Structures are given as structure tokens and as C-alpha cells.
Amino acid sequence: MYVYEICPYCMDQLYERKQPIDDAVINCCPKCGSKMEYACLGEYKIDDTIYKIILNNVAIPNSGDKKNKFIETLMRVGKFNREEAQKICRTKNTLIFEGNVSETYVNINLLEDFVPDIHYTVNPPFALESLLNPFVSICPICGNRTVTRTEDVNNRSEDIKSGIYCETCKDWIMFDICSKAEVDDTKYYVEVPLEGIDSEVMKKIMHTFDGLCNIFDSACNKRLEEKRIIVQDRAQNIEDLLCTLEYYKIPYKIDPPYPHKIPELNPVYKNKWTEEEVRDLIKANPGLKVTADELNVLG
């Protein structure tokens, strides 16, 4: 997996990060010396592929600040003058950009602010996954660096306000209200003994266990042993496993103690057979003798 960074001031070149994504090392821009920001990642090393961006459709109202902002963005992406950009907004399937991977990445992030009011395609498909929009690293008002910030939400003990904040302007650039578990980076150690567990419950536990960890998250560690499973991961990622264990009253160990409320697991109940469904079943299977009550007892 290749991870790439970009300078939020120069915004002209993707640089491959040599350190692991969860390493605390800070890299600086070789041109201006500013701190680099995470940009994107992918399975393949970037090359000299030339990408095209096609603007398929624009559905932004003709009046208002958003349309003016999009016109200015279009001028920046395709190096158009205002008259050309206005004309493109009235046409469909227009080529607005052609360039290398770094330029394409920057322009995609510029255009994403207007989705779903616009639709565009990239050819060939852009294979890198964005980690963070680099434009939020710089305050659009004062031009200073922004910071990641969290704060409690009044009267909502399980929720937190998290996002990008400008300490100079004392204002949020963008934020979301999420659960505290979502922003908890603590690595919890969970150990689950497997002896004496019903086979159907075991299937549910193993299904949840199999879904843990992915190639993008180096913080996760899991292993299956003969008589137990062990998981080390962030709060949000182990939530489904804890839900399952709590619902089926399966004993487990967790360290450090889990401070968040574990949501209740909503069991999926099979719909009861109706008389009409049973008649259709018997019709499709001549000789079958069964009632709705008998089928519902079987579950």
C-alpha cells in the first residue's frame, strides 16, 4: 500500500510517504518547508498516466453564491476565462481538464465540493483513495493552518463535536457530530474464550470477527487461537463485536475498560408464516401437510 502526501500551500505535487501511515514522523515540503498533509493512498505506485476529467452535467441554480463559486473553480481547474466557464456550465460531457496524477488529485478535490449538484467522470478511473481534502488544512479566511479539534456536545454525553477548526478566526471550517467511540484512538485488547458457546452463536461471533481489520488500518491486530479469539483495535471497530458478545451474554476480557455505551444488538426475527403463504407452499409441494402454527413453532 502506497501513501502519498501533499503540501497544502504549494498544492502541486504528490510525494510518497516512506513511513507507515500511523507513524508520528512529520514530513516537510521540499519547496517551501511547510508541513505536509496526508493526501491519498493506493495499491499501486503512481506513474505518468495522463487523466481526463469530463464534466457531464451541472445542476447548480444560475443565481447565487454557489454558482459563482463553481464558475471560479471551473476557471481554476481548466484554466478557462469566465465566459468559457459559463458556456461549459450550459453544455454536457465537456472535457475540462487533462493532466498528471497530482494535478488530477487536486482538481478532483476542488470539484467534490459541488457534488451532487454536478456530475463528472475521470478517465481512466482514478485509482487513489483520498484520505483528507487538503484544502481544509488552510483556513480560507485568514490563510493560517487549521487544527483538528473535538469538544463535548451539551446534554449529549455520548456525542462529541469533531472537525477542522481555525484557532486564529476562532471558528469551525467543517465539523460533524459523532459518537465519542468514533474519535477514540485507544487500542483495546479483547479476549474471548470460545469454549461452551452454542454453534449458531459461534457463527455470529466468527462472522463479526472476520469483518474486523482491513489493509487501510494498521492499528488493528487480531488472531484466532484454538480456544479463544484476540483482538486489538480502536473503539469504533470493536463495537459490533462487543454488541454481539453482550447480547448473547458471552464472557470476555477487555483492557483498558471500555468507557463508551455499547449499543444494543437488534436481533433479526423471521417473519411468521401466514395462512396464505402456507397455502401457496402446499400448492407448490403436493402431498405436504402442515399448518401455519406448526411452521411458526419451528421458527
C-alpha atoms as a PDB file:
ATOM      1  CA  MET A   1       0.000   0.000   0.000  1.00  0.00           C
ATOM      2  CA  TYR A   2       1.411   3.369  -1.067  1.00  0.00           C
ATOM      3  CA  VAL A   3       0.600   6.520   0.915  1.00  0.00           C
ATOM      4  CA  TYR A   4       1.011   9.992  -0.579  1.00  0.00           C
ATOM      5  CA  GLU A   5       1.267  13.455   0.970  1.00  0.00           C
ATOM      6  CA  ILE A   6       0.872  16.962  -0.417  1.00  0.00           C
ATOM      7  CA  CYS A   7       1.823  20.486   0.644  1.00  0.00           C
ATOM      8  CA  PRO A   8      -1.402  22.455   1.323  1.00  0.00           C
ATOM      9  CA  TYR A   9       0.345  25.700   0.274  1.00  0.00           C
ATOM     10  CA  CYS A  10       2.122  24.619  -2.934  1.00  0.00           C
ATOM     11  CA  MET A  11      -0.589  22.083  -3.825  1.00  0.00           C
ATOM     12  CA  ASP A  12       1.246  20.917  -6.920  1.00  0.00           C
ATOM     13  CA  GLN A  13       2.876  17.551  -6.238  1.00  0.00           C
ATOM     14  CA  LEU A  14       2.074  14.245  -4.525  1.00  0.00           C
ATOM     15  CA  TYR A  15       5.004  12.843  -2.548  1.00  0.00           C
ATOM     16  CA  GLU A  16       5.260   9.213  -1.494  1.00  0.00           C
ATOM     17  CA  ARG A  17       5.386   8.827   2.297  1.00  0.00           C
ATOM     18  CA  LYS A  18       8.200   6.470   3.297  1.00  0.00           C
ATOM     19  CA  GLN A  19       6.996   5.985   6.884  1.00  0.00           C
ATOM     20  CA  PRO A  20       3.914   3.944   7.949  1.00  0.00           C
ATOM     21  CA  ILE A  21       0.700   5.957   7.954  1.00  0.00           C
ATOM     22  CA  ASP A  22       0.383   5.721  11.747  1.00  0.00           C
ATOM     23  CA  ASP A  23       3.976   6.841  12.345  1.00  0.00           C
ATOM     24  CA  ALA A  24       4.298  10.229  14.072  1.00  0.00           C
ATOM     25  CA  VAL A  25       7.059  11.432  11.724  1.00  0.00           C
ATOM     26  CA  ILE A  26       6.220  14.765  10.045  1.00  0.00           C
ATOM     27  CA  ASN A  27       7.486  15.385   6.519  1.00  0.00           C
ATOM     28  CA  CYS A  28       8.058  18.890   5.139  1.00  0.00           C
ATOM     29  CA  CYS A  29       7.565  20.257   1.652  1.00  0.00           C
ATOM     30  CA  PRO A  30      10.884  20.266  -0.244  1.00  0.00           C
ATOM     31  CA  LYS A  31       9.883  23.558  -1.904  1.00  0.00           C
ATOM     32  CA  CYS A  32       8.537  25.781   0.888  1.00  0.00           C
ATOM     33  CA  GLY A  33       9.304  23.800   4.048  1.00  0.00           C
ATOM     34  CA  SER A  34       5.679  23.624   5.221  1.00  0.00           C
ATOM     35  CA  LYS A  35       4.285  20.569   6.952  1.00  0.00           C
ATOM     36  CA  MET A  36       2.938  18.012   4.501  1.00  0.00           C
ATOM     37  CA  GLU A  37      -0.585  16.596   4.871  1.00  0.00           C
ATOM     38  CA  TYR A  38      -1.905  13.123   4.113  1.00  0.00           C
ATOM     39  CA  ALA A  39      -3.463  13.135   0.651  1.00  0.00           C
ATOM     40  CA  CYS A  40      -4.322   9.689  -0.682  1.00  0.00           C
ATOM     41  CA  LEU A  41      -3.332   6.037  -0.857  1.00  0.00           C
ATOM     42  CA  GLY A  42      -3.478   3.204  -3.356  1.00  0.00           C
ATOM     43  CA  GLU A  43      -2.255  -0.272  -4.147  1.00  0.00           C
ATOM     44  CA  TYR A  44      -0.025   0.870  -6.990  1.00  0.00           C
ATOM     45  CA  LYS A  45       2.831   3.350  -7.267  1.00  0.00           C
ATOM     46  CA  ILE A  46       1.827   6.477  -9.152  1.00  0.00           C
ATOM     47  CA  ASP A  47       3.156   6.779 -12.684  1.00  0.00           C
ATOM     48  CA  ASP A  48       2.995   9.145 -15.641  1.00  0.00           C
ATOM     49  CA  THR A  49      -0.602   8.282 -16.596  1.00  0.00           C
ATOM     50  CA  ILE A  50      -2.496  11.212 -18.119  1.00  0.00           C
ATOM     51  CA  TYR A  51      -6.063  11.619 -16.826  1.00  0.00           C
ATOM     52  CA  LYS A  52      -9.033  13.401 -18.355  1.00  0.00           C
ATOM     53  CA  ILE A  53     -11.908  14.949 -16.375  1.00  0.00           C
ATOM     54  CA  ILE A  54     -15.220  15.147 -18.223  1.00  0.00           C
ATOM     55  CA  LEU A  55     -17.921  17.439 -16.836  1.00  0.00           C
ATOM     56  CA  ASN A  56     -21.114  15.515 -17.625  1.00  0.00           C
ATOM     57  CA  ASN A  57     -23.778  17.744 -16.155  1.00  0.00           C
ATOM     58  CA  VAL A  58     -24.278  20.857 -13.992  1.00  0.00           C
ATOM     59  CA  ALA A  59     -27.467  21.283 -11.939  1.00  0.00           C
ATOM     60  CA  ILE A  60     -26.496  24.304  -9.827  1.00  0.00           C
ATOM     61  CA  PRO A  61     -29.074  27.155  -9.900  1.00  0.00           C
ATOM     62  CA  ASN A  62     -27.978  30.022 -12.139  1.00  0.00           C
ATOM     63  CA  SER A  63     -28.123  32.609  -9.385  1.00  0.00           C
ATOM     64  CA  GLY A  64     -26.427  32.635  -6.013  1.00  0.00           C
ATOM     65  CA  ASP A  65     -23.003  32.340  -4.474  1.00  0.00           C
ATOM     66  CA  LYS A  66     -22.668  28.617  -5.185  1.00  0.00           C
ATOM     67  CA  LYS A  67     -22.904  29.088  -8.944  1.00  0.00           C
ATOM     68  CA  ASN A  68     -20.341  31.907  -8.848  1.00  0.00           C
ATOM     69  CA  LYS A  69     -18.019  29.780  -6.731  1.00  0.00           C
ATOM     70  CA  PHE A  70     -18.348  26.886  -9.192  1.00  0.00           C
ATOM     71  CA  ILE A  71     -17.566  29.187 -12.132  1.00  0.00           C
ATOM     72  CA  GLU A  72     -14.380  30.278 -10.354  1.00  0.00           C
ATOM     73  CA  THR A  73     -13.484  26.647  -9.594  1.00  0.00           C
ATOM     74  CA  LEU A  74     -14.051  25.675 -13.217  1.00  0.00           C
ATOM     75  CA  MET A  75     -11.774  28.525 -14.302  1.00  0.00           C
ATOM     76  CA  ARG A  76      -9.083  27.182 -11.985  1.00  0.00           C
ATOM     77  CA  VAL A  77      -9.483  23.514 -12.972  1.00  0.00           C
ATOM     78  CA  GLY A  78      -9.486  24.045 -16.735  1.00  0.00           C
ATOM     79  CA  LYS A  79      -7.685  27.409 -16.929  1.00  0.00           C
ATOM     80  CA  PHE A  80     -10.755  28.907 -18.647  1.00  0.00           C
ATOM     81  CA  ASN A  81     -11.791  32.538 -18.684  1.00  0.00           C
ATOM     82  CA  ARG A  82     -15.172  33.415 -17.134  1.00  0.00           C
ATOM     83  CA  GLU A  83     -17.046  33.437 -20.435  1.00  0.00           C
ATOM     84  CA  GLU A  84     -15.699  29.995 -21.365  1.00  0.00           C
ATOM     85  CA  ALA A  85     -16.566  28.592 -17.913  1.00  0.00           C
ATOM     86  CA  GLN A  86     -20.132  29.955 -18.127  1.00  0.00           C
ATOM     87  CA  LYS A  87     -20.595  28.360 -21.540  1.00  0.00           C
ATOM     88  CA  ILE A  88     -19.321  24.983 -20.282  1.00  0.00           C
ATOM     89  CA  CYS A  89     -21.920  25.058 -17.492  1.00  0.00           C
ATOM     90  CA  ARG A  90     -24.618  25.061 -20.168  1.00  0.00           C
ATOM     91  CA  THR A  91     -23.201  22.087 -22.078  1.00  0.00           C
ATOM     92  CA  LYS A  92     -22.854  18.387 -21.315  1.00  0.00           C
ATOM     93  CA  ASN A  93     -19.982  15.896 -21.450  1.00  0.00           C
ATOM     94  CA  THR A  94     -17.274  18.531 -21.872  1.00  0.00           C
ATOM     95  CA  LEU A  95     -13.567  17.866 -21.379  1.00  0.00           C
ATOM     96  CA  ILE A  96     -12.464  20.337 -18.708  1.00  0.00           C
ATOM     97  CA  PHE A  97      -9.037  19.007 -17.737  1.00  0.00           C
ATOM     98  CA  GLU A  98      -6.195  16.791 -18.900  1.00  0.00           C
ATOM     99  CA  GLY A  99      -3.090  16.219 -16.802  1.00  0.00           C
ATOM    100  CA  ASN A 100      -0.956  14.088 -14.500  1.00  0.00           C
ATOM    101  CA  VAL A 101      -1.917  12.280 -11.300  1.00  0.00           C
ATOM    102  CA  SER A 102      -1.011  15.130  -8.921  1.00  0.00           C
ATOM    103  CA  GLU A 103      -2.970  17.746 -10.885  1.00  0.00           C
ATOM    104  CA  THR A 104      -5.898  15.324 -11.194  1.00  0.00           C
ATOM    105  CA  TYR A 105      -5.961  14.694  -7.446  1.00  0.00           C
ATOM    106  CA  VAL A 106      -6.101  18.431  -6.688  1.00  0.00           C
ATOM    107  CA  ASN A 107      -8.842  19.076  -9.245  1.00  0.00           C
ATOM    108  CA  ILE A 108     -10.976  16.164  -8.045  1.00  0.00           C
ATOM    109  CA  ASN A 109     -10.888  17.628  -4.533  1.00  0.00           C
ATOM    110  CA  LEU A 110     -11.918  21.020  -5.902  1.00  0.00           C
ATOM    111  CA  LEU A 111     -14.870  19.531  -7.779  1.00  0.00           C
ATOM    112  CA  GLU A 112     -16.047  17.306  -4.924  1.00  0.00           C
ATOM    113  CA  ASP A 113     -17.339  20.381  -3.065  1.00  0.00           C
ATOM    114  CA  PHE A 114     -20.116  20.647  -5.665  1.00  0.00           C
ATOM    115  CA  VAL A 115     -21.287  17.026  -5.770  1.00  0.00           C
ATOM    116  CA  PRO A 116     -24.167  16.036  -6.164  1.00  0.00           C
ATOM    117  CA  ASP A 117     -25.066  19.277  -7.978  1.00  0.00           C
ATOM    118  CA  ILE A 118     -22.542  18.344 -10.648  1.00  0.00           C
ATOM    119  CA  HIS A 119     -21.583  15.035 -12.188  1.00  0.00           C
ATOM    120  CA  TYR A 120     -18.164  14.340 -13.637  1.00  0.00           C
ATOM    121  CA  THR A 121     -16.125  11.315 -14.717  1.00  0.00           C
ATOM    122  CA  VAL A 122     -12.394  10.657 -14.704  1.00  0.00           C
ATOM    123  CA  ASN A 123     -10.794   8.646 -17.484  1.00  0.00           C
ATOM    124  CA  PRO A 124      -9.030   6.357 -16.828  1.00  0.00           C
ATOM    125  CA  PRO A 125     -10.708   5.861 -13.401  1.00  0.00           C
ATOM    126  CA  PHE A 126      -8.685   7.486 -10.614  1.00  0.00           C
ATOM    127  CA  ALA A 127      -7.231   4.624  -8.578  1.00  0.00           C
ATOM    128  CA  LEU A 128      -6.165   6.569  -5.461  1.00  0.00           C
ATOM    129  CA  GLU A 129      -8.382   6.888  -2.386  1.00  0.00           C
ATOM    130  CA  SER A 130      -8.461  10.324  -0.776  1.00  0.00           C
ATOM    131  CA  LEU A 131      -7.579  10.486   2.918  1.00  0.00           C
ATOM    132  CA  LEU A 132      -8.304  14.172   3.522  1.00  0.00           C
ATOM    133  CA  ASN A 133      -9.262  17.126   1.411  1.00  0.00           C
ATOM    134  CA  PRO A 134      -6.005  19.158   1.510  1.00  0.00           C
ATOM    135  CA  PHE A 135      -7.866  22.457   1.170  1.00  0.00           C
ATOM    136  CA  VAL A 136      -9.243  22.209   4.725  1.00  0.00           C
ATOM    137  CA  SER A 137      -5.672  22.310   6.100  1.00  0.00           C
ATOM    138  CA  ILE A 138      -5.589  26.053   5.441  1.00  0.00           C
ATOM    139  CA  CYS A 139      -8.240  28.469   6.713  1.00  0.00           C
ATOM    140  CA  PRO A 140      -9.971  30.061   3.684  1.00  0.00           C
ATOM    141  CA  ILE A 141     -10.465  33.309   5.651  1.00  0.00           C
ATOM    142  CA  CYS A 142      -7.072  34.072   7.216  1.00  0.00           C
ATOM    143  CA  GLY A 143      -4.767  31.628   5.406  1.00  0.00           C
ATOM    144  CA  ASN A 144      -3.349  30.131   8.621  1.00  0.00           C
ATOM    145  CA  ARG A 145      -3.080  26.443   9.457  1.00  0.00           C
ATOM    146  CA  THR A 146      -6.161  24.728  10.812  1.00  0.00           C
ATOM    147  CA  VAL A 147      -6.185  22.101  13.558  1.00  0.00           C
ATOM    148  CA  THR A 148      -8.196  19.003  14.346  1.00  0.00           C
ATOM    149  CA  ARG A 149     -10.465  19.725  17.305  1.00  0.00           C
ATOM    150  CA  THR A 150     -13.048  17.917  19.414  1.00  0.00           C
ATOM    151  CA  GLU A 151     -15.391  19.242  22.085  1.00  0.00           C
ATOM    152  CA  ASP A 152     -18.319  17.907  24.082  1.00  0.00           C
ATOM    153  CA  VAL A 153     -21.885  18.476  22.948  1.00  0.00           C
ATOM    154  CA  ASN A 154     -24.196  19.910  25.599  1.00  0.00           C
ATOM    155  CA  ASN A 155     -26.731  17.446  27.019  1.00  0.00           C
ATOM    156  CA  ARG A 156     -25.438  14.603  24.823  1.00  0.00           C
ATOM    157  CA  SER A 157     -22.995  12.605  26.916  1.00  0.00           C
ATOM    158  CA  GLU A 158     -22.231  10.005  24.234  1.00  0.00           C
ATOM    159  CA  ASP A 159     -21.703  12.506  21.400  1.00  0.00           C
ATOM    160  CA  ILE A 160     -18.871  14.840  20.505  1.00  0.00           C
ATOM    161  CA  LYS A 161     -18.259  17.643  18.016  1.00  0.00           C
ATOM    162  CA  SER A 162     -15.255  16.816  15.855  1.00  0.00           C
ATOM    163  CA  GLY A 163     -13.749  18.552  12.851  1.00  0.00           C
ATOM    164  CA  ILE A 164     -11.384  21.170  11.456  1.00  0.00           C
ATOM    165  CA  TYR A 165     -11.012  24.430  13.394  1.00  0.00           C
ATOM    166  CA  CYS A 166      -9.172  27.728  12.864  1.00  0.00           C
ATOM    167  CA  GLU A 167      -7.668  28.950  16.129  1.00  0.00           C
ATOM    168  CA  THR A 168      -6.969  32.365  14.617  1.00  0.00           C
ATOM    169  CA  CYS A 169     -10.552  33.016  13.486  1.00  0.00           C
ATOM    170  CA  LYS A 170     -11.997  31.056  16.436  1.00  0.00           C
ATOM    171  CA  ASP A 171     -14.364  29.280  14.057  1.00  0.00           C
ATOM    172  CA  TRP A 172     -15.034  25.831  12.607  1.00  0.00           C
ATOM    173  CA  ILE A 173     -14.056  25.185   8.997  1.00  0.00           C
ATOM    174  CA  MET A 174     -16.032  21.943   8.993  1.00  0.00           C
ATOM    175  CA  PHE A 175     -17.331  19.631  11.696  1.00  0.00           C
ATOM    176  CA  ASP A 176     -19.524  16.649  12.380  1.00  0.00           C
ATOM    177  CA  ILE A 177     -21.418  15.391  15.417  1.00  0.00           C
ATOM    178  CA  CYS A 178     -20.371  11.826  16.117  1.00  0.00           C
ATOM    179  CA  SER A 179     -20.143   9.345  18.966  1.00  0.00           C
ATOM    180  CA  LYS A 180     -17.134   9.522  21.261  1.00  0.00           C
ATOM    181  CA  ALA A 181     -16.262   5.976  20.210  1.00  0.00           C
ATOM    182  CA  GLU A 182     -15.693   7.163  16.631  1.00  0.00           C
ATOM    183  CA  VAL A 183     -12.858   9.502  17.660  1.00  0.00           C
ATOM    184  CA  ASP A 184     -11.393   7.273  20.379  1.00  0.00           C
ATOM    185  CA  ASP A 185      -7.994   6.074  19.107  1.00  0.00           C
ATOM    186  CA  THR A 186      -7.261   3.928  22.172  1.00  0.00           C
ATOM    187  CA  LYS A 187      -6.275   0.373  21.245  1.00  0.00           C
ATOM    188  CA  TYR A 188      -8.428  -2.011  23.276  1.00  0.00           C
ATOM    189  CA  TYR A 189      -7.370  -5.582  23.946  1.00  0.00           C
ATOM    190  CA  VAL A 190     -10.324  -8.007  23.746  1.00  0.00           C
ATOM    191  CA  GLU A 191     -10.040 -11.695  24.589  1.00  0.00           C
ATOM    192  CA  VAL A 192     -12.981 -14.070  24.064  1.00  0.00           C
ATOM    193  CA  PRO A 193     -12.892 -17.716  25.276  1.00  0.00           C
ATOM    194  CA  LEU A 194     -14.623 -19.975  22.754  1.00  0.00           C
ATOM    195  CA  GLU A 195     -15.390 -22.998  24.905  1.00  0.00           C
ATOM    196  CA  GLY A 196     -19.029 -23.885  25.574  1.00  0.00           C
ATOM    197  CA  ILE A 197     -20.531 -21.485  23.041  1.00  0.00           C
ATOM    198  CA  ASP A 198     -23.579 -22.608  21.050  1.00  0.00           C
ATOM    199  CA  SER A 199     -22.716 -23.340  17.403  1.00  0.00           C
ATOM    200  CA  GLU A 200     -25.171 -20.776  15.972  1.00  0.00           C
ATOM    201  CA  VAL A 201     -23.884 -18.080  18.316  1.00  0.00           C
ATOM    202  CA  MET A 202     -20.317 -19.086  17.395  1.00  0.00           C
ATOM    203  CA  LYS A 203     -21.129 -18.455  13.720  1.00  0.00           C
ATOM    204  CA  LYS A 204     -22.333 -14.941  14.532  1.00  0.00           C
ATOM    205  CA  ILE A 205     -19.226 -14.199  16.607  1.00  0.00           C
ATOM    206  CA  MET A 206     -16.877 -15.507  13.913  1.00  0.00           C
ATOM    207  CA  HIS A 207     -18.738 -13.567  11.201  1.00  0.00           C
ATOM    208  CA  THR A 208     -18.140 -10.360  13.184  1.00  0.00           C
ATOM    209  CA  PHE A 209     -14.535 -11.371  13.896  1.00  0.00           C
ATOM    210  CA  ASP A 210     -13.842 -12.000  10.203  1.00  0.00           C
ATOM    211  CA  GLY A 211     -15.033  -8.474   9.378  1.00  0.00           C
ATOM    212  CA  LEU A 212     -12.501  -6.853  11.694  1.00  0.00           C
ATOM    213  CA  CYS A 213      -9.337  -5.191  10.345  1.00  0.00           C
ATOM    214  CA  ASN A 214      -8.539  -4.126   6.819  1.00  0.00           C
ATOM    215  CA  ILE A 215      -5.474  -3.196   4.817  1.00  0.00           C
ATOM    216  CA  PHE A 216      -6.033   0.527   5.474  1.00  0.00           C
ATOM    217  CA  ASP A 217      -5.888   0.184   9.284  1.00  0.00           C
ATOM    218  CA  SER A 218      -2.520  -0.827  10.671  1.00  0.00           C
ATOM    219  CA  ALA A 219      -3.773  -0.235  14.235  1.00  0.00           C
ATOM    220  CA  CYS A 220      -5.855  -3.413  14.134  1.00  0.00           C
ATOM    221  CA  ASN A 221      -4.457  -6.764  15.175  1.00  0.00           C
ATOM    222  CA  LYS A 222      -6.422  -9.988  15.519  1.00  0.00           C
ATOM    223  CA  ARG A 223      -5.710 -13.678  15.833  1.00  0.00           C
ATOM    224  CA  LEU A 224      -7.678 -16.870  16.202  1.00  0.00           C
ATOM    225  CA  GLU A 225      -6.328 -19.493  18.549  1.00  0.00           C
ATOM    226  CA  GLU A 226      -7.627 -22.958  19.373  1.00  0.00           C
ATOM    227  CA  LYS A 227      -9.814 -21.895  22.295  1.00  0.00           C
ATOM    228  CA  ARG A 228     -10.036 -18.111  22.053  1.00  0.00           C
ATOM    229  CA  ILE A 229     -10.010 -15.084  19.783  1.00  0.00           C
ATOM    230  CA  ILE A 230      -7.920 -11.998  20.495  1.00  0.00           C
ATOM    231  CA  VAL A 231      -8.461  -8.549  19.001  1.00  0.00           C
ATOM    232  CA  GLN A 232      -6.603  -5.263  19.450  1.00  0.00           C
ATOM    233  CA  ASP A 233      -8.327  -2.346  17.779  1.00  0.00           C
ATOM    234  CA  ARG A 234      -9.935   1.067  18.160  1.00  0.00           C
ATOM    235  CA  ALA A 235     -13.234   1.598  19.962  1.00  0.00           C
ATOM    236  CA  GLN A 236     -15.409   2.075  16.891  1.00  0.00           C
ATOM    237  CA  ASN A 237     -14.033  -1.028  15.196  1.00  0.00           C
ATOM    238  CA  ILE A 238     -14.720  -3.409  18.083  1.00  0.00           C
ATOM    239  CA  GLU A 239     -18.221  -2.071  18.761  1.00  0.00           C
ATOM    240  CA  ASP A 240     -20.025  -4.717  16.680  1.00  0.00           C
ATOM    241  CA  LEU A 241     -18.072  -7.499  18.368  1.00  0.00           C
ATOM    242  CA  LEU A 242     -18.913  -6.143  21.831  1.00  0.00           C
ATOM    243  CA  CYS A 243     -22.588  -5.805  20.835  1.00  0.00           C
ATOM    244  CA  THR A 244     -22.691  -9.471  19.850  1.00  0.00           C
ATOM    245  CA  LEU A 245     -20.911 -10.629  22.994  1.00  0.00           C
ATOM    246  CA  GLU A 246     -23.157  -8.577  25.269  1.00  0.00           C
ATOM    247  CA  TYR A 247     -26.357  -9.688  23.555  1.00  0.00           C
ATOM    248  CA  TYR A 248     -25.534 -13.396  23.849  1.00  0.00           C
ATOM    249  CA  LYS A 249     -24.024 -12.913  27.319  1.00  0.00           C
ATOM    250  CA  ILE A 250     -20.639 -14.285  26.278  1.00  0.00           C
ATOM    251  CA  PRO A 251     -17.929 -13.552  28.889  1.00  0.00           C
ATOM    252  CA  TYR A 252     -14.887 -11.658  27.645  1.00  0.00           C
ATOM    253  CA  LYS A 253     -11.940  -9.629  28.882  1.00  0.00           C
ATOM    254  CA  ILE A 254     -11.191  -6.094  27.714  1.00  0.00           C
ATOM    255  CA  ASP A 255      -8.310  -3.821  28.637  1.00  0.00           C
ATOM    256  CA  PRO A 256      -8.409  -0.911  29.272  1.00  0.00           C
ATOM    257  CA  PRO A 257     -12.053  -0.858  30.428  1.00  0.00           C
ATOM    258  CA  TYR A 258     -14.401   0.222  27.641  1.00  0.00           C
ATOM    259  CA  PRO A 259     -15.756   3.701  28.574  1.00  0.00           C
ATOM    260  CA  HIS A 260     -18.471   4.006  25.922  1.00  0.00           C
ATOM    261  CA  LYS A 261     -22.046   2.822  25.903  1.00  0.00           C
ATOM    262  CA  ILE A 262     -22.346  -0.409  23.927  1.00  0.00           C
ATOM    263  CA  PRO A 263     -25.361  -0.200  21.600  1.00  0.00           C
ATOM    264  CA  GLU A 264     -27.961  -2.923  21.903  1.00  0.00           C
ATOM    265  CA  LEU A 265     -27.897  -5.545  19.179  1.00  0.00           C
ATOM    266  CA  ASN A 266     -31.157  -5.605  17.255  1.00  0.00           C
ATOM    267  CA  PRO A 267     -31.923  -9.278  16.582  1.00  0.00           C
ATOM    268  CA  VAL A 268     -33.434 -10.186  13.227  1.00  0.00           C
ATOM    269  CA  TYR A 269     -36.646 -12.106  13.698  1.00  0.00           C
ATOM    270  CA  LYS A 270     -38.015 -14.317  10.969  1.00  0.00           C
ATOM    271  CA  ASN A 271     -41.463 -13.216   9.806  1.00  0.00           C
ATOM    272  CA  LYS A 272     -44.260 -15.553  10.872  1.00  0.00           C
ATOM    273  CA  TRP A 273     -45.890 -17.754   8.261  1.00  0.00           C
ATOM    274  CA  THR A 274     -49.328 -16.577   7.160  1.00  0.00           C
ATOM    275  CA  GLU A 275     -52.181 -18.868   6.110  1.00  0.00           C
ATOM    276  CA  GLU A 276     -51.884 -17.591   2.542  1.00  0.00           C
ATOM    277  CA  GLU A 277     -48.165 -18.388   2.423  1.00  0.00           C
ATOM    278  CA  VAL A 278     -48.832 -21.908   3.739  1.00  0.00           C
ATOM    279  CA  ARG A 279     -51.498 -22.492   1.051  1.00  0.00           C
ATOM    280  CA  ASP A 280     -49.004 -21.420  -1.623  1.00  0.00           C
ATOM    281  CA  LEU A 281     -46.381 -23.712  -0.082  1.00  0.00           C
ATOM    282  CA  ILE A 282     -48.728 -26.715  -0.109  1.00  0.00           C
ATOM    283  CA  LYS A 283     -49.785 -25.899  -3.674  1.00  0.00           C
ATOM    284  CA  ALA A 284     -46.149 -25.931  -4.775  1.00  0.00           C
ATOM    285  CA  ASN A 285     -45.494 -29.174  -2.853  1.00  0.00           C
ATOM    286  CA  PRO A 286     -48.419 -31.602  -3.398  1.00  0.00           C
ATOM    287  CA  GLY A 287     -48.839 -34.029  -0.529  1.00  0.00           C
ATOM    288  CA  LEU A 288     -47.340 -31.679   2.084  1.00  0.00           C
ATOM    289  CA  LYS A 289     -49.485 -31.486   5.216  1.00  0.00           C
ATOM    290  CA  VAL A 290     -48.579 -28.636   7.535  1.00  0.00           C
ATOM    291  CA  THR A 291     -50.219 -25.636   9.213  1.00  0.00           C
ATOM    292  CA  ALA A 292     -49.020 -22.089   9.809  1.00  0.00           C
ATOM    293  CA  ASP A 293     -48.912 -22.728  13.572  1.00  0.00           C
ATOM    294  CA  GLU A 294     -46.688 -25.771  13.098  1.00  0.00           C
ATOM    295  CA  LEU A 295     -44.250 -23.833  10.883  1.00  0.00           C
ATOM    296  CA  ASN A 296     -44.125 -20.893  13.274  1.00  0.00           C
ATOM    297  CA  VAL A 297     -43.258 -23.220  16.164  1.00  0.00           C
ATOM    298  CA  LEU A 298     -40.280 -24.415  14.120  1.00  0.00           C
ATOM    299  CA  GLY A 299     -39.203 -20.750  13.716  1.00  0.00           C
END
